[in-house]
Amino acid sequence: MTEIAIALNRFGLGGRPDEAPPGDAKRWLLGQLDRFEPRPPSIAAAPQRQTVVADLADFYEEQRGQAQLRRAAGGAGRRGRLRMQPAAMKDMPDPEAQPGMAQMPDAMANVPDQARRFVRRQAHDYYLNLVGARTNAALAAPAPFVERLVHFWANHFAVSADKLTVIGLAGLLEFEAIRPHVLGKFSDMLMAVERHPAMLLYLDQAVSIGPDSTIGRRIAQRGRQRGLNENLAREILELHTLGVNGGYAQADVTEFARALTGWTVAGITRGPGQRFIRGAPGEFAFVPMIHEPGPRTIMGRNYAQEGEAQATAVLADLAAHPATARHLATKLARHFAGDAPPPAMVQRLEQAYLRSGGDLPAVYRALIDSPEAWTPAPAKFRSPWDWSLAALRAVGTREVQPQPAAGLLTQLGQPVWRPGSPAGFDDIDANWSGPDALMRRVEAAERLAGRTAETIDARRLAPRLLPGAVSDATVQAIARAESSAQGLALLLVSPEFLRR
C-alpha cells in the first residue's frame, strides 16, 4: 500500500470516486482535526433523547398499571411484570426484504403484547433512524479519519440495543457523549459516557442502591433484597480505563460501586419513587437518598468527598492513571497497526497521552507520526462496518435508507450498536475473515454492483480508491469480467479492498 492508499483506507473510511485522493497523506489527516463536524445534518435530525425516554416511561407506566390491576383482581401480582433487563431484538431485516420490523427473540416469547409493540416501535422509530444517521454521516464526512475515531470510541464504550431500555438510546450515546469529545480530553469523554442514560441503563447503574443509604435501609426493613449493583464500576475499571490487568482488585470494584450509587436517570418511570429523581426525561440525575454514605478507599487512594463528587473524583483519577494510558494506547495501536500492537508504537501513544494530560488530538498526532501505522503491508482485515462504508463510498453513495443499512450490517455479522457484551466487537482479524463471512461479502458486493455498475467502470475506479496499491492480479480479474457489474463486484471483494 502507498501512503495515499493507507491514509484513505487505514486511517480513513475508503476513497470516493467524486473526491480526488490527497496529495500529502499526513497533512490531509492532520487537517481533518479542524474539519470534523460533531453534528452534521443527518445527526442533528436524529430522534431526541427526551422523546425516546418519554416513550420508555409511557411503557413502564403501562406495565405498572397492568400490575396494579392484576393485584386488585387477586391475580398474578408481580409475576409476569417486565423488568428492566430483557433482550429486545434478534435480527433486523435482510437488506432485500420488504419493510417490516425485527423478529422477536425467544427471550420475548412470553412477555405481554404491549412489550412486543414497544420493542417494535423503539426499533422502528428510533434505532433504525439512528443507524441511518450514523451511516450517512460517515458516507459524506469531510473528516473520515475523525469519523473512524468516533466509531473506535463508540466500540470502546460499548452498549447494546439488544437490551430493552437501550434500543433507542444506544446511538444517542455515540452522538451525545462521543462525538462532542472525540477531539477533546479523554476525561471529559469518560465523564459524559458514564453519565449518559444509555450506559447507566445498560449496566444497571440506574437501579443500584447503597445498602446503608436512606432508601437502602427502608428496603431492608421491608425484607426486600434490592441493593448494590457492581456492573458499571467493574466495566469502567476493566474495559473503559485501566484494563483487565490494570492493578485493581475486587474490593476496589465494590468500593467504586458504592461511590457510584445515586447516579441514575430522570424520567424513566412515573411511579411514586420518581419524586426523588429530579430532571428532564433522560437527563443524568444524582439521588442522595440512594447514595452509600461514607469515605471510600479505591486502589490505595482515599475519597472523602460526599455525594456525586465522590465518583466524579474517582473517574478523574482513573482517566489520569498510567494503566489507562497504556490500555488506550494498546487498543489504538491494534486498530491502526495490526492485531499484535507494536510495543514502540504503544509506548509512543502512551507517552503522548500522559504528557498531554489525556488530550486526544495529541495522541492522534502521535498516531499519525508512528511509522508502524504506515507499513506498506495491509495491517487489518476490514470489519463488516468498515467494509460496508468503504463499499458504499466506493460507488459514490452519500445517503442510504436506515433499514437497508441496518440490514446489511446484520447480514454481515456486525449489527450496529449490538455487540454481544460490554467489551464491544473484537478488533482482531480472526473475527471477520472466516469463509462464511467472506461469502456474505461476496453476496453483498454482487447486489451493490448490480444496482450501481451501469455508471461505474471498475478499471478506472480501482486506482482512485487504492492509489498505487492495486495488484496486477486484481487488474486482470477486473479486465476479464463478463460485465461491468461483475468487474465492480470483483473490485469490492479483492484482497486489496478487503484489507486496510
Protein backbone atom coordinates (compact mmCIF):
# COMPACT_ATOMS: atom_id res chain seq x y z
CA MET A 1 0.00 0.00 0.00
CA THR A 2 1.17 3.52 -0.74
CA GLU A 3 0.90 6.29 1.84
CA ILE A 4 -2.07 7.78 -0.01
CA ALA A 5 -3.87 4.43 -0.04
CA ILE A 6 -3.10 3.96 3.65
CA ALA A 7 -4.44 7.41 4.51
CA LEU A 8 -7.66 6.77 2.59
CA ASN A 9 -8.30 3.26 3.85
CA ARG A 10 -6.40 2.51 7.06
CA PHE A 11 -6.92 5.92 8.62
CA GLY A 12 -9.99 6.96 6.67
CA LEU A 13 -13.14 5.15 5.61
CA GLY A 14 -12.26 4.50 1.97
CA GLY A 15 -11.97 6.65 -1.12
CA ARG A 16 -14.78 8.16 -3.16
CA PRO A 17 -14.96 8.48 -6.98
CA ASP A 18 -16.07 12.10 -6.70
CA GLU A 19 -13.18 13.18 -4.45
CA ALA A 20 -9.57 13.44 -5.58
CA PRO A 21 -7.05 11.46 -3.50
CA PRO A 22 -5.00 13.68 -1.18
CA GLY A 23 -1.62 14.88 -2.32
CA ASP A 24 0.07 14.78 1.10
CA ALA A 25 -1.25 11.91 3.20
CA LYS A 26 -0.20 13.08 6.67
CA ARG A 27 -1.13 16.70 6.06
CA TRP A 28 -4.56 15.54 4.87
CA LEU A 29 -5.10 13.58 8.08
CA LEU A 30 -3.94 16.37 10.36
CA GLY A 31 -6.15 18.88 8.55
CA GLN A 32 -9.20 16.80 9.41
CA LEU A 33 -8.80 17.68 13.08
CA ASP A 34 -10.08 21.12 12.08
CA ARG A 35 -12.79 19.93 9.67
CA PHE A 36 -14.74 17.49 11.82
CA GLU A 37 -18.46 18.19 12.25
CA PRO A 38 -19.80 16.93 15.61
CA ARG A 39 -23.40 17.48 14.49
CA PRO A 40 -23.74 17.07 10.73
CA PRO A 41 -27.27 17.39 9.31
CA SER A 42 -28.10 13.67 9.50
CA ILE A 43 -27.27 13.54 13.20
CA ALA A 44 -28.87 16.88 14.02
CA ALA A 45 -32.12 15.49 12.57
CA ALA A 46 -31.97 12.24 14.58
CA PRO A 47 -34.54 11.41 17.29
CA GLN A 48 -34.03 13.35 20.52
CA ARG A 49 -33.30 11.83 23.90
CA GLN A 50 -36.36 13.21 25.69
CA THR A 51 -38.66 11.70 23.05
CA VAL A 52 -37.05 8.26 23.37
CA VAL A 53 -37.15 8.30 27.16
CA ALA A 54 -40.72 9.60 27.31
CA ASP A 55 -41.78 6.61 25.21
CA LEU A 56 -39.90 4.31 27.60
CA ALA A 57 -41.59 5.96 30.59
CA ASP A 58 -45.02 5.53 28.97
CA PHE A 59 -44.31 1.84 28.53
CA TYR A 60 -43.26 1.32 32.15
CA GLU A 61 -46.28 3.28 33.36
CA GLU A 62 -48.48 0.97 31.34
CA GLN A 63 -46.72 -2.03 32.84
CA ARG A 64 -47.17 -0.64 36.35
CA GLY A 65 -50.87 -0.05 35.72
CA GLN A 66 -51.34 -3.59 34.44
CA ALA A 67 -49.60 -4.99 37.54
CA GLN A 68 -51.86 -2.93 39.83
CA LEU A 69 -54.97 -4.24 38.03
CA ARG A 70 -53.77 -7.83 38.41
CA ARG A 71 -53.12 -7.35 42.13
CA ALA A 72 -56.52 -5.72 42.61
CA ALA A 73 -58.16 -8.67 40.89
CA GLY A 74 -56.25 -11.14 43.04
CA GLY A 75 -54.24 -12.27 40.06
CA ALA A 76 -50.57 -12.86 39.42
CA GLY A 77 -49.36 -9.79 41.27
CA ARG A 78 -45.83 -9.02 40.20
CA ARG A 79 -45.50 -12.22 38.23
CA GLY A 80 -45.12 -11.52 34.54
CA ARG A 81 -44.21 -7.88 35.06
CA LEU A 82 -41.47 -6.93 32.63
CA ARG A 83 -38.24 -5.99 34.39
CA MET A 84 -35.69 -3.50 33.02
CA GLN A 85 -33.34 -6.11 31.63
CA PRO A 86 -34.70 -8.46 28.92
CA ALA A 87 -33.21 -8.77 25.47
CA ALA A 88 -35.11 -6.79 22.88
CA MET A 89 -34.15 -7.58 19.30
CA LYS A 90 -32.89 -10.52 17.35
CA ASP A 91 -32.21 -9.86 13.69
CA MET A 92 -33.00 -6.73 11.73
CA PRO A 93 -34.50 -7.38 8.26
CA ASP A 94 -32.38 -8.55 5.38
CA PRO A 95 -31.49 -5.60 3.10
CA GLU A 96 -33.52 -7.25 0.33
CA ALA A 97 -36.63 -7.72 2.47
CA GLN A 98 -39.75 -5.64 2.28
CA PRO A 99 -40.30 -3.08 5.07
CA GLY A 100 -41.17 -4.74 8.33
CA MET A 101 -39.75 -4.84 11.77
CA ALA A 102 -37.42 -7.10 13.67
CA GLN A 103 -38.27 -10.62 14.71
CA MET A 104 -38.73 -11.01 18.44
CA PRO A 105 -36.18 -13.22 20.20
CA ASP A 106 -37.06 -16.32 22.20
CA ALA A 107 -36.50 -14.32 25.40
CA MET A 108 -39.52 -12.16 24.49
CA ALA A 109 -41.83 -15.03 23.57
CA ASN A 110 -43.81 -14.92 26.81
CA VAL A 111 -43.95 -11.21 27.52
CA PRO A 112 -47.13 -9.16 27.06
CA ASP A 113 -48.24 -7.88 23.69
CA GLN A 114 -47.63 -4.27 24.74
CA ALA A 115 -43.96 -5.15 25.30
CA ARG A 116 -43.72 -6.51 21.77
CA ARG A 117 -45.33 -3.37 20.40
CA PHE A 118 -42.96 -1.21 22.43
CA VAL A 119 -39.87 -3.03 21.12
CA ARG A 120 -41.02 -2.74 17.52
CA ARG A 121 -41.82 0.94 17.96
CA GLN A 122 -38.47 1.73 19.57
CA ALA A 123 -36.64 -0.24 16.90
CA HIS A 124 -38.51 1.34 14.01
CA ASP A 125 -38.86 4.93 15.19
CA TYR A 126 -35.52 5.35 16.96
CA TYR A 127 -32.94 2.62 16.46
CA LEU A 128 -33.24 2.44 12.67
CA ASN A 129 -33.25 6.21 12.27
CA LEU A 130 -30.13 6.50 14.40
CA VAL A 131 -28.36 3.80 12.36
CA GLY A 132 -29.23 5.71 9.21
CA ALA A 133 -27.95 8.97 10.70
CA ARG A 134 -24.64 7.35 11.68
CA THR A 135 -24.16 5.74 8.28
CA ASN A 136 -24.99 8.87 6.32
CA ALA A 137 -22.69 10.99 8.48
CA ALA A 138 -19.84 8.61 7.63
CA LEU A 139 -20.64 8.42 3.91
CA ALA A 140 -20.46 12.19 3.41
CA ALA A 141 -17.91 13.01 6.11
CA PRO A 142 -15.44 15.82 5.41
CA ALA A 143 -13.17 14.26 8.06
CA PRO A 144 -13.31 10.46 7.61
CA PHE A 145 -10.29 9.89 9.87
CA VAL A 146 -12.10 11.52 12.79
CA GLU A 147 -15.28 9.63 11.93
CA ARG A 148 -13.27 6.41 12.23
CA LEU A 149 -12.11 7.56 15.65
CA VAL A 150 -15.73 8.20 16.67
CA HIS A 151 -16.56 4.62 15.73
CA PHE A 152 -13.49 3.37 17.60
CA TRP A 153 -14.50 5.13 20.83
CA ALA A 154 -18.14 4.09 20.49
CA ASN A 155 -16.99 0.47 20.39
CA HIS A 156 -14.63 1.08 23.32
CA PHE A 157 -17.58 2.37 25.36
CA ALA A 158 -19.96 -0.25 24.03
CA VAL A 159 -23.63 -0.57 24.92
CA SER A 160 -26.13 -2.85 23.20
CA ALA A 161 -29.54 -2.14 21.73
CA ASP A 162 -30.34 -5.78 22.43
CA LYS A 163 -31.41 -4.59 25.88
CA LEU A 164 -34.94 -3.22 26.02
CA THR A 165 -34.09 0.02 27.82
CA VAL A 166 -31.25 0.79 25.40
CA ILE A 167 -32.89 0.20 21.99
CA GLY A 168 -33.46 3.87 21.28
CA LEU A 169 -30.57 5.21 23.36
CA ALA A 170 -27.52 3.28 22.11
CA GLY A 171 -26.98 5.57 19.14
CA LEU A 172 -27.52 8.67 21.25
CA LEU A 173 -24.59 7.72 23.48
CA GLU A 174 -22.34 7.95 20.42
CA PHE A 175 -23.93 11.18 19.19
CA GLU A 176 -24.08 12.95 22.58
CA ALA A 177 -21.11 11.61 24.55
CA ILE A 178 -18.54 10.51 21.95
CA ARG A 179 -18.82 12.94 19.04
CA PRO A 180 -18.62 16.18 21.09
CA HIS A 181 -15.50 14.93 22.92
CA VAL A 182 -13.59 12.96 20.25
CA LEU A 183 -11.24 15.93 19.82
CA GLY A 184 -11.08 16.85 23.49
CA LYS A 185 -9.83 15.33 26.73
CA PHE A 186 -10.39 11.66 27.43
CA SER A 187 -11.51 12.57 30.94
CA ASP A 188 -14.37 14.65 29.52
CA MET A 189 -15.45 11.84 27.20
CA LEU A 190 -15.28 9.36 30.07
CA MET A 191 -17.45 11.55 32.28
CA ALA A 192 -20.00 12.15 29.52
CA VAL A 193 -20.24 8.43 28.73
CA GLU A 194 -20.64 7.23 32.30
CA ARG A 195 -23.38 9.79 32.99
CA HIS A 196 -25.29 9.01 29.79
CA PRO A 197 -28.63 7.22 30.22
CA ALA A 198 -27.65 4.51 27.73
CA MET A 199 -24.69 3.44 29.88
CA LEU A 200 -26.50 3.88 33.21
CA LEU A 201 -29.38 1.70 31.99
CA TYR A 202 -27.31 -0.84 30.06
CA LEU A 203 -25.16 -1.71 33.07
CA ASP A 204 -28.00 -1.41 35.61
CA GLN A 205 -26.46 1.51 37.46
CA ALA A 206 -29.83 3.27 37.43
CA VAL A 207 -31.20 0.68 39.88
CA SER A 208 -28.14 0.41 42.15
CA ILE A 209 -28.92 1.33 45.75
CA GLY A 210 -26.48 1.82 48.60
CA PRO A 211 -27.34 -0.72 51.34
CA ASP A 212 -26.79 1.91 54.06
CA SER A 213 -28.46 4.74 52.18
CA THR A 214 -31.77 6.14 53.36
CA ILE A 215 -33.71 4.16 50.76
CA GLY A 216 -31.50 1.10 51.18
CA ARG A 217 -32.30 0.88 54.89
CA ARG A 218 -36.03 1.27 54.21
CA ILE A 219 -35.91 -1.56 51.67
CA ALA A 220 -34.06 -3.79 54.15
CA GLN A 221 -36.64 -3.08 56.85
CA ARG A 222 -39.33 -4.36 54.50
CA GLY A 223 -37.43 -7.59 53.90
CA ARG A 224 -36.65 -6.86 50.26
CA GLN A 225 -33.33 -7.58 48.53
CA ARG A 226 -32.64 -4.74 46.07
CA GLY A 227 -29.23 -3.21 46.65
CA LEU A 228 -25.78 -2.56 45.25
CA ASN A 229 -25.03 -3.31 41.58
CA GLU A 230 -21.37 -3.56 40.56
CA ASN A 231 -21.74 -3.78 36.78
CA LEU A 232 -20.82 -0.20 35.87
CA ALA A 233 -17.95 0.01 38.34
CA ARG A 234 -16.43 -3.22 37.04
CA GLU A 235 -16.70 -2.29 33.38
CA ILE A 236 -15.26 1.18 33.94
CA LEU A 237 -12.19 -0.37 35.54
CA GLU A 238 -11.82 -3.40 33.27
CA LEU A 239 -12.89 -2.00 29.90
CA HIS A 240 -13.14 1.78 29.90
CA THR A 241 -10.00 2.83 31.81
CA LEU A 242 -7.34 0.64 33.46
CA GLY A 243 -7.83 -2.59 31.54
CA VAL A 244 -8.12 -6.13 32.85
CA ASN A 245 -4.53 -6.11 34.17
CA GLY A 246 -4.71 -2.55 35.45
CA GLY A 247 -3.93 -3.32 39.07
CA TYR A 248 -7.36 -3.19 40.70
CA ALA A 249 -8.91 -5.85 42.94
CA GLN A 250 -12.47 -6.97 43.66
CA ALA A 251 -12.53 -4.77 46.75
CA ASP A 252 -11.88 -1.76 44.52
CA VAL A 253 -14.81 -2.74 42.30
CA THR A 254 -17.14 -2.93 45.30
CA GLU A 255 -15.94 0.37 46.76
CA PHE A 256 -16.27 2.10 43.41
CA ALA A 257 -19.79 0.69 43.05
CA ARG A 258 -20.64 2.24 46.41
CA ALA A 259 -19.23 5.57 45.27
CA LEU A 260 -21.40 5.41 42.14
CA THR A 261 -24.65 4.85 43.99
CA GLY A 262 -27.07 7.69 43.45
CA TRP A 263 -26.12 8.01 39.76
CA THR A 264 -29.33 7.39 37.84
CA VAL A 265 -31.60 8.66 35.06
CA ALA A 266 -34.54 11.05 35.40
CA GLY A 267 -37.92 10.40 33.84
CA ILE A 268 -37.67 6.66 33.21
CA THR A 269 -40.64 5.88 35.46
CA ARG A 270 -43.58 7.86 36.73
CA GLY A 271 -44.28 5.87 39.87
CA PRO A 272 -44.04 7.10 43.47
CA GLY A 273 -40.25 6.67 43.55
CA GLN A 274 -39.81 9.22 40.77
CA ARG A 275 -40.41 12.07 43.24
CA PHE A 276 -36.84 11.57 44.49
CA ILE A 277 -35.36 12.00 40.98
CA ARG A 278 -35.27 15.50 39.56
CA GLY A 279 -34.52 16.43 35.96
CA ALA A 280 -35.87 16.30 32.43
CA PRO A 281 -36.59 12.84 30.95
CA GLY A 282 -33.34 11.10 30.07
CA GLU A 283 -31.08 13.51 31.94
CA PHE A 284 -28.45 12.36 34.41
CA ALA A 285 -29.67 12.63 37.98
CA PHE A 286 -27.99 12.20 41.34
CA VAL A 287 -30.24 10.97 44.14
CA PRO A 288 -28.69 11.46 47.62
CA MET A 289 -31.23 9.13 49.24
CA ILE A 290 -29.79 6.07 47.44
CA HIS A 291 -26.11 7.05 47.72
CA GLU A 292 -23.98 4.94 50.05
CA PRO A 293 -22.63 7.36 52.68
CA GLY A 294 -19.05 7.46 53.94
CA PRO A 295 -15.49 7.71 52.62
CA ARG A 296 -14.07 5.19 50.15
CA THR A 297 -10.60 3.74 49.53
CA ILE A 298 -10.04 2.70 45.93
CA MET A 299 -6.69 1.47 44.62
CA GLY A 300 -4.93 2.94 47.64
CA ARG A 301 -6.48 6.40 47.33
CA ASN A 302 -8.89 7.88 49.83
CA TYR A 303 -12.06 9.60 48.68
CA ALA A 304 -13.78 11.57 51.41
CA GLN A 305 -15.98 13.57 49.04
CA GLU A 306 -19.70 13.44 49.64
CA GLY A 307 -22.45 12.64 47.18
CA GLU A 308 -21.96 12.87 43.44
CA ALA A 309 -18.47 14.36 43.80
CA GLN A 310 -17.08 11.09 45.15
CA ALA A 311 -17.46 9.03 41.98
CA THR A 312 -16.52 12.06 39.88
CA ALA A 313 -13.18 12.25 41.70
CA VAL A 314 -12.58 8.55 41.12
CA LEU A 315 -13.24 8.92 37.39
CA ALA A 316 -10.83 11.86 37.15
CA ASP A 317 -8.07 9.80 38.79
CA LEU A 318 -8.78 6.80 36.56
CA ALA A 319 -8.53 8.97 33.44
CA ALA A 320 -5.09 10.17 34.52
CA HIS A 321 -3.78 6.74 35.56
CA PRO A 322 -0.77 5.31 33.64
CA ALA A 323 -2.58 1.99 33.23
CA THR A 324 -5.39 3.80 31.42
CA ALA A 325 -2.88 5.45 29.09
CA ARG A 326 -1.35 2.05 28.33
CA HIS A 327 -4.72 0.35 27.83
CA LEU A 328 -5.99 3.01 25.41
CA ALA A 329 -2.66 3.19 23.55
CA THR A 330 -2.70 -0.58 23.05
CA LYS A 331 -6.21 -0.55 21.62
CA LEU A 332 -5.45 2.33 19.26
CA ALA A 333 -2.24 0.66 18.07
CA ARG A 334 -4.12 -2.59 17.48
CA HIS A 335 -6.75 -0.78 15.42
CA PHE A 336 -4.28 1.05 13.19
CA ALA A 337 -1.22 -1.21 13.08
CA GLY A 338 -2.44 -4.79 13.39
CA ASP A 339 -3.56 -7.46 15.82
CA ALA A 340 -0.14 -7.55 17.53
CA PRO A 341 0.31 -3.91 18.64
CA PRO A 342 3.95 -2.83 18.12
CA PRO A 343 5.45 -2.11 21.60
CA ALA A 344 7.29 1.01 20.42
CA MET A 345 4.11 2.45 18.99
CA VAL A 346 2.14 1.66 22.15
CA GLN A 347 4.78 3.41 24.24
CA ARG A 348 4.75 6.43 21.94
CA LEU A 349 0.97 6.81 22.20
CA GLU A 350 1.04 6.18 25.92
CA GLN A 351 3.59 8.92 26.49
CA ALA A 352 1.65 11.36 24.32
CA TYR A 353 -1.41 10.69 26.46
CA LEU A 354 0.43 11.17 29.75
CA ARG A 355 2.39 14.26 28.66
CA SER A 356 -0.75 15.99 27.41
CA GLY A 357 -2.97 15.07 30.34
CA GLY A 358 -5.16 12.83 28.19
CA ASP A 359 -5.55 15.26 25.28
CA LEU A 360 -6.84 13.06 22.46
CA PRO A 361 -5.64 15.16 19.49
CA ALA A 362 -2.11 14.90 20.93
CA VAL A 363 -2.49 11.11 20.86
CA TYR A 364 -3.87 11.20 17.30
CA ARG A 365 -0.89 13.27 16.15
CA ALA A 366 1.45 10.71 17.70
CA LEU A 367 -0.53 8.02 15.90
CA ILE A 368 -0.10 9.75 12.54
CA ASP A 369 3.63 10.19 13.25
CA SER A 370 4.11 6.49 14.11
CA PRO A 371 5.95 4.67 11.30
CA GLU A 372 4.33 1.39 12.40
CA ALA A 373 0.95 2.71 11.22
CA TRP A 374 2.35 3.28 7.72
CA THR A 375 3.72 -0.16 6.92
CA PRO A 376 3.08 -0.98 3.23
CA ALA A 377 1.66 -4.42 4.01
CA PRO A 378 -2.08 -4.30 4.89
CA ALA A 379 -2.42 -4.17 8.66
CA LYS A 380 -6.03 -5.22 9.25
CA PHE A 381 -8.89 -7.15 7.70
CA ARG A 382 -11.80 -4.77 7.37
CA SER A 383 -14.65 -5.35 9.79
CA PRO A 384 -18.17 -5.53 8.31
CA TRP A 385 -18.77 -1.91 9.31
CA ASP A 386 -15.50 -0.76 7.70
CA TRP A 387 -16.11 -2.77 4.55
CA SER A 388 -19.72 -1.63 4.15
CA LEU A 389 -18.78 2.03 4.45
CA ALA A 390 -15.86 1.62 2.06
CA ALA A 391 -18.03 -0.19 -0.49
CA LEU A 392 -20.81 2.41 -0.34
CA ARG A 393 -18.31 5.26 -0.56
CA ALA A 394 -16.59 3.49 -3.47
CA VAL A 395 -19.72 3.66 -5.61
CA GLY A 396 -20.38 7.30 -4.70
CA THR A 397 -23.23 6.76 -2.23
CA ARG A 398 -23.88 9.76 0.02
CA GLU A 399 -27.17 8.72 1.57
CA VAL A 400 -28.80 5.39 2.40
CA GLN A 401 -32.15 4.45 3.87
CA PRO A 402 -31.97 3.30 7.50
CA GLN A 403 -33.47 -0.16 7.15
CA PRO A 404 -31.22 -1.43 4.32
CA ALA A 405 -28.19 -0.01 6.16
CA ALA A 406 -29.08 -1.84 9.37
CA GLY A 407 -29.98 -5.00 7.47
CA LEU A 408 -26.67 -5.08 5.61
CA LEU A 409 -24.64 -4.90 8.82
CA THR A 410 -26.77 -7.59 10.44
CA GLN A 411 -26.30 -9.82 7.39
CA LEU A 412 -22.53 -9.32 7.59
CA GLY A 413 -22.39 -10.16 11.30
CA GLN A 414 -21.81 -6.78 12.94
CA PRO A 415 -25.23 -5.28 13.75
CA VAL A 416 -24.85 -1.62 14.64
CA TRP A 417 -24.66 -0.93 18.41
CA ARG A 418 -25.46 -4.56 19.17
CA PRO A 419 -22.25 -6.27 20.35
CA GLY A 420 -22.53 -9.42 22.39
CA SER A 421 -21.04 -7.90 25.53
CA PRO A 422 -19.88 -4.62 27.10
CA ALA A 423 -16.44 -5.33 25.62
CA GLY A 424 -17.78 -4.36 22.19
CA PHE A 425 -16.89 -6.06 18.91
CA ASP A 426 -13.45 -7.67 18.88
CA ASP A 427 -10.92 -5.73 16.83
CA ILE A 428 -9.00 -8.74 15.53
CA ASP A 429 -8.90 -10.28 12.06
CA ALA A 430 -10.00 -13.78 13.07
CA ASN A 431 -13.46 -12.49 13.97
CA TRP A 432 -14.20 -11.23 10.47
CA SER A 433 -12.18 -13.23 7.95
CA GLY A 434 -13.81 -16.68 8.03
CA PRO A 435 -15.15 -18.39 4.87
CA ASP A 436 -18.80 -17.74 5.73
CA ALA A 437 -18.11 -14.07 6.40
CA LEU A 438 -16.33 -13.74 3.05
CA MET A 439 -19.22 -15.40 1.21
CA ARG A 440 -21.64 -12.88 2.74
CA ARG A 441 -19.49 -10.03 1.48
CA VAL A 442 -19.42 -11.54 -1.99
CA GLU A 443 -23.22 -11.68 -1.98
CA ALA A 444 -23.50 -8.11 -0.72
CA ALA A 445 -20.95 -6.89 -3.30
CA GLU A 446 -22.90 -8.54 -6.12
CA ARG A 447 -26.13 -6.85 -5.01
CA LEU A 448 -24.46 -3.46 -4.66
CA ALA A 449 -22.69 -3.78 -8.01
CA GLY A 450 -25.88 -4.87 -9.72
CA ARG A 451 -27.57 -1.63 -8.65
CA THR A 452 -24.79 0.81 -9.46
CA ALA A 453 -22.46 -0.66 -12.08
CA GLU A 454 -24.07 0.94 -15.14
CA THR A 455 -22.35 4.26 -14.39
CA ILE A 456 -19.10 2.87 -12.94
CA ASP A 457 -16.05 1.49 -14.71
CA ALA A 458 -14.20 -0.60 -12.11
CA ARG A 459 -11.00 -0.42 -14.17
CA ARG A 460 -10.87 3.36 -13.66
CA LEU A 461 -12.27 3.27 -10.15
CA ALA A 462 -9.71 0.86 -8.68
CA PRO A 463 -6.64 3.15 -8.86
CA ARG A 464 -8.70 6.04 -7.49
CA LEU A 465 -9.73 4.08 -4.41
CA LEU A 466 -6.37 2.36 -3.91
CA PRO A 467 -3.74 4.67 -5.46
CA GLY A 468 -0.65 2.68 -6.36
CA ALA A 469 -1.90 -0.35 -4.43
CA VAL A 470 -3.89 -2.44 -6.94
CA SER A 471 -2.14 -5.71 -7.82
CA ASP A 472 -1.72 -6.98 -11.37
CA ALA A 473 -3.91 -9.96 -10.48
CA THR A 474 -6.79 -7.72 -9.46
CA VAL A 475 -6.35 -5.52 -12.56
CA GLN A 476 -6.51 -8.59 -14.78
CA ALA A 477 -9.51 -10.07 -12.98
CA ILE A 478 -11.49 -6.83 -13.40
CA ALA A 479 -10.48 -6.57 -17.07
CA ARG A 480 -11.66 -10.12 -17.77
CA ALA A 481 -15.03 -9.64 -16.08
CA GLU A 482 -18.03 -10.57 -18.20
CA SER A 483 -19.89 -7.37 -17.28
CA SER A 484 -19.33 -4.03 -15.58
CA ALA A 485 -21.32 -5.30 -12.59
CA GLN A 486 -19.08 -8.33 -12.23
CA GLY A 487 -15.99 -6.14 -12.53
CA LEU A 488 -17.20 -3.86 -9.76
CA ALA A 489 -18.12 -6.79 -7.51
CA LEU A 490 -14.65 -8.27 -8.05
CA LEU A 491 -13.07 -4.99 -7.01
CA LEU A 492 -15.16 -4.78 -3.83
CA VAL A 493 -14.06 -8.26 -2.70
CA SER A 494 -10.48 -8.07 -3.97
CA PRO A 495 -7.71 -8.71 -1.42
CA GLU A 496 -6.69 -5.06 -1.58
CA PHE A 497 -10.24 -3.85 -0.79
CA LEU A 498 -10.90 -6.39 1.96
CA ARG A 499 -7.85 -5.29 3.94
CA ARG A 500 -6.56 -1.92 5.04
